[in-house]
Amino acid sequence: MKFATLTFLFAYLPLTLLIYYIVPRKARNFFLFFINLLFYGWGEPVLVLLMLASIAINFIGGYFVEQNKPDKRRMKIPLVLTIIVDVGLLAFFKYIGLIINTFNMLPLPDLPMINVSLPIGISFYTFQTMSYVIDVYRDDAPVSRNPINFGTYVALFPQLIAGPIVRYKDVADQLEHRVESIEQFNRGVKLFLVGLGKKMLLADQMSAMWDAIQATGEQNGIIGSWVGMIAYSLYIYLDFSGYSDMACGLGNMLGFEFLKNFNYPYISKSVTEFWRRWHISLSTWFREYVYIPLGGNRCTIPRHIFNLLVVWFCTGLWHGAEYNFILWGLYYGLILIIEKYVLKKFIDKLPGVIQHLYTIFIFVIGWTIFYFTDMAQMGAQFANMFTLSNGLLGEKALIIMCRYGVLFVLACIASTPLGAMIYNKVKNKGWIWIAETLFCAAVLVLATALLVSHSQVTFLYFRF
């Protein structure tokens, strides 16, 4: 991954941008489609065939949905068939192991295990293609009549492998009529480097801090155990939001505008607010294509509770083929139900700082469930976080906290809008371009140095 990241930064990306702006405007989507497939298939070329199949199935599905308008009954046939194929491919490549393991728990003859590689980003591009066909059916998006443009949309490399989930209706016009500009390109470079800095300079350091604290296990004490989980919480936010920033920045460099995927979720004062700010494209997808079709909140209370549990079961399952992800999703479903029907009036009367601490407590517990796929290890972590049997703070945990203390504080600050607020106050100053240039250069140099020195670089959400 280290070599691949360096190759991307200093070879693939510069060459792609250079050729993209050299080729005639009418040929740019064709070039992007080709370079997207090259990017995706670099590690495992055979996976390109799966992506091409997904592109073809949904392009054809959208075409037949459009052809059968205005007969709703006939329109449903290609819609349902396309969704079945999409869900079937996702279930086979991502969940076949979980399905077999679950089946083998039944008092029936065991099924043999099937080992298949998880295609990178399959959850993201499958949700994109499904949303396209559904939106064509709803008349919320125009049907694509150009397979190259549609293929470019599905395989667009900036957000292909870790989001955000881009709906076709949001970029349909951009695919055909975008006008690139120097101002937009410049904004994209800055946003990309902000994301790179989040990832390399902060997220990876919080990951290292969490790994170090986790390694000391029961010696951490309550404080050390909580600090470790907070470090992991910072890591998962900075890693994923950093990649989303990079994706949006790369999109800007190519003339695209993607919707914002994170809006400082860790400043939230309720779990409901947290999920309006976290992974916005995924929350929006489930709201539009699962929650509202089930009836949303315009129904009886029991039905609304059922709708929420279904959505959060699916949200947890989307994140991975392990039982802890399902538990994580249902945990948030139950919290949101309790918050809405029991705690809302009480929470609203609390001081803002208490509301914030309550939300931090809830999402740190959530990330604990999210991290541990082994239930015994999860139980041990909770025991370390809620019992005094190991003391308040272990010596090794204290040493680790001191070692990463400055970076921990910087990561906390980077999770708030403080930096953006300061920048917005000075962005019109005459000297700001100097500060921006120095900042971008510093991030690039430091990130490159870390890439060269580190043996491994990973993006957490690549596995989804």
Protein backbone atom coordinates (compact mmCIF):
# COMPACT_ATOMS: atom_id res chain seq x y z
CA MET A 1 0.00 0.00 0.00
CA LYS A 2 2.90 2.40 0.74
CA PHE A 3 4.38 1.98 -2.74
CA ALA A 4 0.93 2.22 -4.32
CA THR A 5 0.19 5.47 -2.47
CA LEU A 6 3.49 7.03 -3.52
CA THR A 7 2.92 5.89 -7.10
CA PHE A 8 -0.56 7.42 -7.05
CA LEU A 9 0.63 10.76 -5.65
CA PHE A 10 3.70 11.27 -7.82
CA ALA A 11 2.97 9.33 -11.02
CA TYR A 12 -0.63 8.28 -11.62
CA LEU A 13 -2.34 11.50 -10.46
CA PRO A 14 -0.02 14.02 -12.22
CA LEU A 15 -0.10 12.03 -15.47
CA THR A 16 -3.88 11.60 -15.29
CA LEU A 17 -4.43 15.33 -14.77
CA LEU A 18 -1.95 16.25 -17.50
CA ILE A 19 -3.51 13.97 -20.12
CA TYR A 20 -7.04 14.88 -18.99
CA TYR A 21 -6.47 18.55 -19.74
CA ILE A 22 -4.64 17.84 -23.00
CA VAL A 23 -7.31 15.67 -24.62
CA PRO A 24 -10.26 17.43 -26.30
CA ARG A 25 -13.20 18.17 -24.00
CA LYS A 26 -15.47 15.70 -25.82
CA ALA A 27 -13.00 12.90 -25.21
CA ARG A 28 -12.44 13.56 -21.50
CA ASN A 29 -15.13 11.20 -20.22
CA PHE A 30 -13.80 8.43 -22.44
CA PHE A 31 -10.32 9.02 -21.04
CA LEU A 32 -11.66 9.08 -17.47
CA PHE A 33 -13.56 5.84 -18.03
CA PHE A 34 -10.40 4.14 -19.30
CA ILE A 35 -8.15 5.53 -16.56
CA ASN A 36 -10.74 4.67 -13.89
CA LEU A 37 -10.74 1.03 -14.94
CA LEU A 38 -6.93 1.01 -15.05
CA PHE A 39 -6.86 2.47 -11.53
CA TYR A 40 -9.37 -0.04 -10.17
CA GLY A 41 -7.86 -3.08 -11.85
CA TRP A 42 -4.23 -2.32 -11.04
CA GLY A 43 -4.11 -4.79 -8.13
CA GLU A 44 -6.63 -7.40 -9.33
CA PRO A 45 -7.50 -6.99 -13.03
CA VAL A 46 -10.23 -9.64 -12.86
CA LEU A 47 -12.31 -7.35 -10.64
CA VAL A 48 -12.68 -4.96 -13.57
CA LEU A 49 -14.94 -7.56 -15.18
CA LEU A 50 -17.24 -7.44 -12.14
CA MET A 51 -17.40 -3.66 -12.31
CA LEU A 52 -18.07 -3.71 -16.07
CA ALA A 53 -20.85 -6.22 -15.47
CA SER A 54 -22.36 -3.97 -12.80
CA ILE A 55 -22.14 -0.95 -15.13
CA ALA A 56 -23.78 -2.84 -18.01
CA ILE A 57 -26.56 -4.36 -15.88
CA ASN A 58 -27.59 -1.04 -14.37
CA PHE A 59 -27.22 0.93 -17.62
CA ILE A 60 -29.50 -1.58 -19.35
CA GLY A 61 -31.83 -1.69 -16.34
CA GLY A 62 -32.21 2.09 -16.37
CA TYR A 63 -32.84 2.02 -20.13
CA PHE A 64 -35.68 -0.50 -19.85
CA VAL A 65 -37.20 1.32 -16.89
CA GLU A 66 -37.30 4.46 -19.04
CA GLN A 67 -38.67 2.59 -22.06
CA ASN A 68 -41.63 1.28 -20.09
CA LYS A 69 -42.84 4.66 -18.87
CA PRO A 70 -45.58 5.52 -17.99
CA ASP A 71 -46.71 1.93 -17.27
CA LYS A 72 -45.68 1.58 -13.61
CA ARG A 73 -46.29 -2.16 -13.53
CA ARG A 74 -44.04 -2.82 -16.53
CA MET A 75 -41.43 -0.39 -15.20
CA LYS A 76 -41.14 -2.42 -12.00
CA ILE A 77 -39.97 -5.54 -13.82
CA PRO A 78 -36.53 -4.22 -14.95
CA LEU A 79 -36.27 -2.24 -11.69
CA VAL A 80 -36.77 -5.28 -9.49
CA LEU A 81 -34.59 -7.53 -11.66
CA THR A 82 -31.74 -5.00 -11.60
CA ILE A 83 -31.96 -4.58 -7.81
CA ILE A 84 -32.00 -8.37 -7.33
CA VAL A 85 -28.82 -8.73 -9.41
CA ASP A 86 -27.11 -5.82 -7.59
CA VAL A 87 -27.99 -7.15 -4.14
CA GLY A 88 -27.13 -10.69 -5.22
CA LEU A 89 -23.62 -9.71 -6.38
CA LEU A 90 -23.04 -7.71 -3.19
CA ALA A 91 -24.32 -10.57 -1.02
CA PHE A 92 -22.14 -13.15 -2.76
CA PHE A 93 -18.88 -11.24 -2.74
CA LYS A 94 -19.27 -9.59 0.65
CA TYR A 95 -21.56 -11.74 2.78
CA ILE A 96 -21.24 -15.33 1.55
CA GLY A 97 -18.99 -16.24 4.49
CA LEU A 98 -21.43 -14.74 7.03
CA ILE A 99 -24.39 -16.42 5.33
CA ILE A 100 -22.72 -19.85 5.40
CA ASN A 101 -21.54 -19.44 9.00
CA THR A 102 -25.05 -18.45 10.07
CA PHE A 103 -26.63 -21.35 8.19
CA ASN A 104 -24.16 -23.78 9.75
CA MET A 105 -25.40 -22.80 13.21
CA LEU A 106 -28.72 -24.47 12.36
CA PRO A 107 -29.28 -28.17 13.13
CA LEU A 108 -28.74 -29.02 9.48
CA PRO A 109 -25.83 -30.48 7.48
CA ASP A 110 -23.02 -27.93 7.21
CA LEU A 111 -22.42 -26.10 3.97
CA PRO A 112 -18.84 -25.94 2.68
CA MET A 113 -17.15 -22.59 3.09
CA ILE A 114 -16.65 -20.51 -0.06
CA ASN A 115 -13.68 -18.15 -0.05
CA VAL A 116 -13.95 -15.16 -2.36
CA SER A 117 -11.97 -11.93 -2.41
CA LEU A 118 -13.89 -8.83 -1.38
CA PRO A 119 -13.79 -6.38 -4.32
CA ILE A 120 -12.61 -3.02 -3.03
CA GLY A 121 -15.39 -0.43 -2.89
CA ILE A 122 -18.15 -2.82 -3.97
CA SER A 123 -20.53 -1.48 -1.32
CA PHE A 124 -20.02 2.08 -2.57
CA TYR A 125 -20.42 1.54 -6.29
CA THR A 126 -23.29 -0.95 -5.84
CA PHE A 127 -25.26 1.62 -3.84
CA GLN A 128 -24.53 4.20 -6.54
CA THR A 129 -25.81 2.02 -9.36
CA MET A 130 -28.90 0.97 -7.39
CA SER A 131 -29.76 4.59 -6.61
CA TYR A 132 -29.51 5.41 -10.33
CA VAL A 133 -32.07 2.82 -11.45
CA ILE A 134 -34.42 3.68 -8.56
CA ASP A 135 -34.17 7.41 -9.33
CA VAL A 136 -34.92 6.78 -13.02
CA TYR A 137 -37.99 4.79 -11.93
CA ARG A 138 -39.08 7.64 -9.64
CA ASP A 139 -38.38 10.18 -12.38
CA ASP A 140 -35.88 11.84 -10.03
CA ALA A 141 -32.95 11.41 -12.43
CA PRO A 142 -32.55 11.45 -16.20
CA VAL A 143 -31.79 8.15 -17.87
CA SER A 144 -28.24 7.90 -19.17
CA ARG A 145 -28.08 7.31 -22.92
CA ASN A 146 -24.30 7.25 -23.09
CA PRO A 147 -22.63 4.12 -21.65
CA ILE A 148 -19.26 5.89 -21.43
CA ASN A 149 -20.71 8.70 -19.34
CA PHE A 150 -22.52 6.21 -17.12
CA GLY A 151 -19.39 4.08 -16.76
CA THR A 152 -17.42 7.19 -15.85
CA TYR A 153 -19.97 7.97 -13.13
CA VAL A 154 -19.79 4.49 -11.60
CA ALA A 155 -16.02 4.07 -11.81
CA LEU A 156 -14.90 7.65 -11.13
CA PHE A 157 -11.62 7.04 -9.31
CA PRO A 158 -11.67 9.88 -6.75
CA GLN A 159 -14.58 8.37 -4.80
CA LEU A 160 -14.67 4.87 -6.24
CA ILE A 161 -13.16 2.82 -3.44
CA ALA A 162 -14.20 4.63 -0.26
CA GLY A 163 -16.96 7.07 -1.12
CA PRO A 164 -18.70 9.36 -0.75
CA ILE A 165 -21.71 7.67 -2.34
CA VAL A 166 -22.57 9.94 -5.27
CA ARG A 167 -26.05 9.78 -6.76
CA TYR A 168 -26.35 10.06 -10.52
CA LYS A 169 -28.86 12.89 -10.35
CA ASP A 170 -26.29 15.02 -8.50
CA VAL A 171 -23.66 14.72 -11.24
CA ALA A 172 -25.69 13.98 -14.39
CA ASP A 173 -25.33 17.52 -15.69
CA GLN A 174 -21.65 17.65 -14.70
CA LEU A 175 -20.92 14.50 -16.68
CA GLU A 176 -21.99 16.24 -19.89
CA HIS A 177 -21.55 19.97 -19.30
CA ARG A 178 -18.93 20.56 -16.61
CA VAL A 179 -16.61 23.51 -17.12
CA GLU A 180 -13.28 23.20 -15.36
CA SER A 181 -11.66 26.32 -13.94
CA ILE A 182 -8.36 27.32 -12.34
CA GLU A 183 -10.19 28.49 -9.21
CA GLN A 184 -11.94 25.13 -8.84
CA PHE A 185 -8.69 23.24 -9.50
CA ASN A 186 -6.88 25.32 -6.90
CA ARG A 187 -9.65 24.67 -4.38
CA GLY A 188 -9.42 20.97 -5.15
CA VAL A 189 -5.66 20.87 -4.52
CA LYS A 190 -6.09 22.55 -1.13
CA LEU A 191 -8.96 20.25 -0.13
CA PHE A 192 -7.01 17.18 -1.25
CA LEU A 193 -4.00 18.20 0.85
CA VAL A 194 -6.20 18.93 3.87
CA GLY A 195 -7.53 15.38 3.56
CA LEU A 196 -4.04 13.98 3.09
CA GLY A 197 -2.90 15.82 6.21
CA LYS A 198 -5.85 14.46 8.21
CA LYS A 199 -5.02 10.95 7.09
CA MET A 200 -1.23 10.84 7.25
CA LEU A 201 -0.36 13.35 9.97
CA LEU A 202 -3.19 12.70 12.42
CA ALA A 203 -5.33 9.63 11.67
CA ASP A 204 -2.38 7.25 11.32
CA GLN A 205 -0.86 8.62 14.54
CA MET A 206 -4.11 8.02 16.42
CA SER A 207 -4.17 4.51 14.99
CA ALA A 208 -0.63 3.95 16.30
CA MET A 209 -1.65 5.33 19.70
CA TRP A 210 -4.65 2.99 19.86
CA ASP A 211 -2.52 0.00 18.83
CA ALA A 212 0.03 0.81 21.53
CA ILE A 213 -2.61 1.19 24.26
CA GLN A 214 -4.45 -1.92 23.12
CA ALA A 215 -1.21 -3.91 23.31
CA THR A 216 -0.89 -3.17 27.03
CA GLY A 217 -4.36 -4.64 27.61
CA GLU A 218 -5.45 -4.97 31.20
CA GLN A 219 -2.61 -2.77 32.47
CA ASN A 220 -4.23 0.40 31.13
CA GLY A 221 -6.75 1.07 33.87
CA ILE A 222 -10.05 2.85 33.28
CA ILE A 223 -8.52 6.12 32.07
CA GLY A 224 -6.05 4.43 29.74
CA SER A 225 -8.80 2.22 28.28
CA TRP A 226 -11.07 5.20 27.61
CA VAL A 227 -8.26 7.29 26.14
CA GLY A 228 -7.42 4.38 23.84
CA MET A 229 -10.98 4.15 22.55
CA ILE A 230 -11.14 7.92 22.10
CA ALA A 231 -7.91 7.70 20.06
CA TYR A 232 -9.57 5.03 17.90
CA SER A 233 -12.65 7.27 17.55
CA LEU A 234 -10.42 10.10 16.35
CA TYR A 235 -8.65 7.73 13.98
CA ILE A 236 -11.82 6.44 12.31
CA TYR A 237 -13.17 9.98 11.82
CA LEU A 238 -9.94 11.53 10.55
CA ASP A 239 -9.20 8.55 8.30
CA PHE A 240 -12.61 8.44 6.65
CA SER A 241 -13.28 12.19 6.52
CA GLY A 242 -9.71 12.68 5.28
CA TYR A 243 -10.34 10.29 2.39
CA SER A 244 -13.68 12.01 1.66
CA ASP A 245 -11.88 15.38 1.54
CA MET A 246 -9.30 13.92 -0.83
CA ALA A 247 -12.06 12.47 -3.03
CA CYS A 248 -13.90 15.80 -3.18
CA GLY A 249 -10.62 17.60 -3.87
CA LEU A 250 -9.75 15.22 -6.70
CA GLY A 251 -13.26 15.69 -8.07
CA ASN A 252 -12.71 19.46 -8.09
CA MET A 253 -9.46 19.01 -10.02
CA LEU A 254 -11.47 17.18 -12.69
CA GLY A 255 -14.31 19.70 -12.72
CA PHE A 256 -16.77 17.79 -10.48
CA GLU A 257 -18.52 18.95 -7.33
CA PHE A 258 -19.35 16.20 -4.83
CA LEU A 259 -21.59 16.75 -1.83
CA LYS A 260 -19.97 17.06 1.58
CA ASN A 261 -19.75 13.72 3.44
CA PHE A 262 -18.86 14.87 6.96
CA ASN A 263 -19.86 17.96 8.93
CA TYR A 264 -17.88 17.74 12.19
CA PRO A 265 -19.97 14.94 13.77
CA TYR A 266 -17.97 14.98 17.01
CA ILE A 267 -19.38 18.37 18.01
CA SER A 268 -22.92 16.94 18.08
CA LYS A 269 -25.17 17.31 21.13
CA SER A 270 -27.34 14.28 20.41
CA VAL A 271 -27.01 10.97 18.61
CA THR A 272 -29.65 12.13 16.12
CA GLU A 273 -27.46 15.13 15.28
CA PHE A 274 -24.39 12.91 15.12
CA TRP A 275 -25.94 10.84 12.34
CA ARG A 276 -26.92 13.94 10.42
CA ARG A 277 -23.26 14.89 10.36
CA TRP A 278 -21.52 11.49 9.99
CA HIS A 279 -21.15 9.78 6.59
CA ILE A 280 -23.90 11.97 5.18
CA SER A 281 -24.01 10.23 1.80
CA LEU A 282 -24.70 6.82 3.41
CA SER A 283 -27.29 8.21 5.85
CA THR A 284 -29.00 9.97 2.94
CA TRP A 285 -28.99 6.78 0.87
CA PHE A 286 -30.68 4.71 3.57
CA ARG A 287 -33.18 7.47 4.28
CA GLU A 288 -34.13 7.85 0.60
CA TYR A 289 -34.13 4.19 -0.46
CA VAL A 290 -35.01 2.23 2.70
CA TYR A 291 -36.45 4.39 5.49
CA ILE A 292 -38.93 6.49 3.47
CA PRO A 293 -40.16 3.56 1.30
CA LEU A 294 -40.86 1.63 4.53
CA GLY A 295 -43.05 4.51 5.70
CA GLY A 296 -40.54 6.73 7.50
CA ASN A 297 -42.06 8.37 10.56
CA ARG A 298 -45.48 8.93 9.00
CA CYS A 299 -46.94 5.87 10.63
CA THR A 300 -47.78 4.37 14.01
CA ILE A 301 -45.11 4.34 16.72
CA PRO A 302 -44.62 0.53 16.57
CA ARG A 303 -44.23 0.73 12.79
CA HIS A 304 -41.78 3.64 13.10
CA ILE A 305 -39.70 1.65 15.60
CA PHE A 306 -39.70 -1.28 13.18
CA ASN A 307 -38.61 1.00 10.31
CA LEU A 308 -35.71 2.39 12.36
CA LEU A 309 -34.52 -1.08 13.41
CA VAL A 310 -34.61 -2.31 9.79
CA VAL A 311 -32.62 0.70 8.58
CA TRP A 312 -30.01 0.36 11.32
CA PHE A 313 -29.73 -3.39 10.86
CA CYS A 314 -28.98 -2.70 7.18
CA THR A 315 -26.58 0.13 8.08
CA GLY A 316 -24.61 -2.17 10.37
CA LEU A 317 -24.60 -5.00 7.84
CA TRP A 318 -23.40 -2.63 5.10
CA HIS A 319 -20.23 -2.02 7.08
CA GLY A 320 -19.07 -5.60 7.16
CA ALA A 321 -19.82 -9.32 7.20
CA GLU A 322 -19.34 -9.75 10.95
CA TYR A 323 -21.88 -9.98 13.75
CA ASN A 324 -20.39 -7.02 15.62
CA PHE A 325 -21.33 -4.70 12.73
CA ILE A 326 -24.95 -5.84 12.97
CA LEU A 327 -24.80 -5.33 16.74
CA TRP A 328 -23.31 -1.86 16.16
CA GLY A 329 -26.15 -0.93 13.80
CA LEU A 330 -28.87 -2.20 16.15
CA TYR A 331 -27.16 -0.40 19.05
CA TYR A 332 -27.60 2.91 17.24
CA GLY A 333 -31.12 2.00 16.20
CA LEU A 334 -32.10 1.40 19.84
CA ILE A 335 -30.32 4.56 21.03
CA LEU A 336 -32.13 6.66 18.43
CA ILE A 337 -35.49 5.12 19.37
CA ILE A 338 -34.89 5.80 23.07
CA GLU A 339 -33.62 9.30 22.32
CA LYS A 340 -36.69 10.15 20.24
CA TYR A 341 -39.42 8.64 22.39
CA VAL A 342 -37.98 8.83 25.92
CA LEU A 343 -34.99 11.12 26.36
CA LYS A 344 -35.46 13.97 23.86
CA LYS A 345 -37.25 16.45 26.15
CA PHE A 346 -34.86 15.65 29.00
CA ILE A 347 -31.73 16.00 26.82
CA ASP A 348 -32.93 19.31 25.36
CA LYS A 349 -33.07 20.81 28.86
CA LEU A 350 -29.49 19.84 29.74
CA PRO A 351 -26.58 22.31 29.44
CA GLY A 352 -24.84 22.10 26.06
CA VAL A 353 -21.63 20.66 27.55
CA ILE A 354 -23.57 17.79 29.17
CA GLN A 355 -25.35 17.07 25.89
CA HIS A 356 -21.99 16.96 24.17
CA LEU A 357 -20.46 14.63 26.80
CA TYR A 358 -23.49 12.34 26.53
CA THR A 359 -23.01 12.10 22.75
CA ILE A 360 -19.28 11.45 23.10
CA PHE A 361 -20.02 8.64 25.57
CA ILE A 362 -22.51 7.06 23.16
CA PHE A 363 -20.28 7.13 20.08
CA VAL A 364 -17.17 5.92 21.94
CA ILE A 365 -19.18 2.91 23.13
CA GLY A 366 -20.36 2.50 19.54
CA TRP A 367 -16.84 2.49 18.14
CA THR A 368 -15.87 -0.13 20.73
CA ILE A 369 -18.59 -2.42 19.36
CA PHE A 370 -17.52 -1.53 15.82
CA TYR A 371 -13.85 -2.38 16.35
CA PHE A 372 -14.00 -5.77 18.07
CA THR A 373 -15.17 -8.60 15.82
CA ASP A 374 -14.35 -11.04 18.64
CA MET A 375 -17.10 -10.82 21.28
CA ALA A 376 -14.80 -12.04 24.07
CA GLN A 377 -12.28 -9.28 23.31
CA MET A 378 -15.12 -6.76 23.17
CA GLY A 379 -16.32 -7.89 26.59
CA ALA A 380 -12.79 -7.61 27.99
CA GLN A 381 -12.48 -4.06 26.64
CA PHE A 382 -15.75 -3.03 28.24
CA ALA A 383 -14.61 -4.58 31.51
CA ASN A 384 -11.43 -2.49 31.33
CA MET A 385 -13.51 0.64 30.65
CA PHE A 386 -16.08 0.16 33.41
CA THR A 387 -14.36 -1.62 36.31
CA LEU A 388 -11.71 -0.55 38.81
CA SER A 389 -10.06 -3.97 38.96
CA ASN A 390 -7.11 -2.67 36.88
CA GLY A 391 -6.85 0.70 38.59
CA LEU A 392 -7.36 4.18 37.18
CA LEU A 393 -4.32 4.60 34.92
CA GLY A 394 -1.53 2.17 34.15
CA GLU A 395 2.09 3.29 33.91
CA LYS A 396 2.51 2.08 30.31
CA ALA A 397 -0.70 3.80 29.24
CA LEU A 398 0.51 7.04 30.84
CA ILE A 399 3.79 6.83 28.91
CA ILE A 400 1.88 6.29 25.64
CA MET A 401 -0.44 9.19 26.41
CA CYS A 402 2.53 11.47 27.03
CA ARG A 403 4.24 10.31 23.83
CA TYR A 404 1.17 11.05 21.67
CA GLY A 405 -0.26 13.87 23.81
CA VAL A 406 0.36 16.76 21.41
CA LEU A 407 -0.93 14.82 18.40
CA PHE A 408 -3.96 13.69 20.43
CA VAL A 409 -4.84 17.32 21.19
CA LEU A 410 -4.29 18.32 17.54
CA ALA A 411 -6.54 15.45 16.43
CA CYS A 412 -9.26 16.64 18.81
CA ILE A 413 -8.98 20.19 17.42
CA ALA A 414 -9.05 18.88 13.84
CA SER A 415 -12.37 17.18 14.67
CA THR A 416 -13.97 20.57 15.35
CA PRO A 417 -14.72 23.50 13.00
CA LEU A 418 -12.16 25.72 14.79
CA GLY A 419 -9.65 25.60 11.95
CA ALA A 420 -12.32 26.34 9.33
CA MET A 421 -13.64 29.24 11.41
CA ILE A 422 -10.18 30.81 11.69
CA TYR A 423 -9.53 30.30 7.97
CA ASN A 424 -12.86 31.90 7.00
CA LYS A 425 -11.95 35.02 8.99
CA VAL A 426 -8.62 35.51 7.22
CA LYS A 427 -9.17 33.95 3.78
CA ASN A 428 -9.63 37.35 2.12
CA LYS A 429 -6.40 38.80 3.49
CA GLY A 430 -3.74 39.69 0.94
CA TRP A 431 -1.15 37.41 2.50
CA ILE A 432 -3.37 34.32 2.71
CA TRP A 433 -1.97 32.79 -0.50
CA ILE A 434 1.48 32.64 1.14
CA ALA A 435 0.09 30.86 4.19
CA GLU A 436 -1.89 28.45 1.99
CA THR A 437 1.16 27.65 -0.12
CA LEU A 438 3.34 27.03 2.93
CA PHE A 439 0.63 24.88 4.52
CA CYS A 440 0.16 22.76 1.39
CA ALA A 441 3.90 22.34 0.90
CA ALA A 442 4.39 21.36 4.53
CA VAL A 443 1.61 18.77 4.40
CA LEU A 444 2.95 17.25 1.19
CA VAL A 445 6.54 17.06 2.50
CA LEU A 446 5.58 15.62 5.89
CA ALA A 447 3.10 13.15 4.40
CA THR A 448 5.69 11.99 1.87
CA ALA A 449 8.27 11.55 4.63
CA LEU A 450 5.82 9.46 6.63
CA LEU A 451 4.91 7.41 3.57
CA VAL A 452 8.58 6.65 2.92
CA SER A 453 9.32 5.78 6.54
CA HIS A 454 6.21 3.74 7.35
CA SER A 455 6.02 0.10 6.37
CA GLN A 456 2.24 0.07 5.97
CA VAL A 457 -0.45 2.57 5.03
CA THR A 458 -4.12 1.61 5.07
CA PHE A 459 -7.44 3.33 4.56
CA LEU A 460 -10.00 1.89 6.96
CA TYR A 461 -13.02 2.16 4.65
CA PHE A 462 -11.30 0.45 1.68
CA ARG A 463 -12.64 -2.83 3.07
CA PHE A 464 -16.25 -1.71 2.76
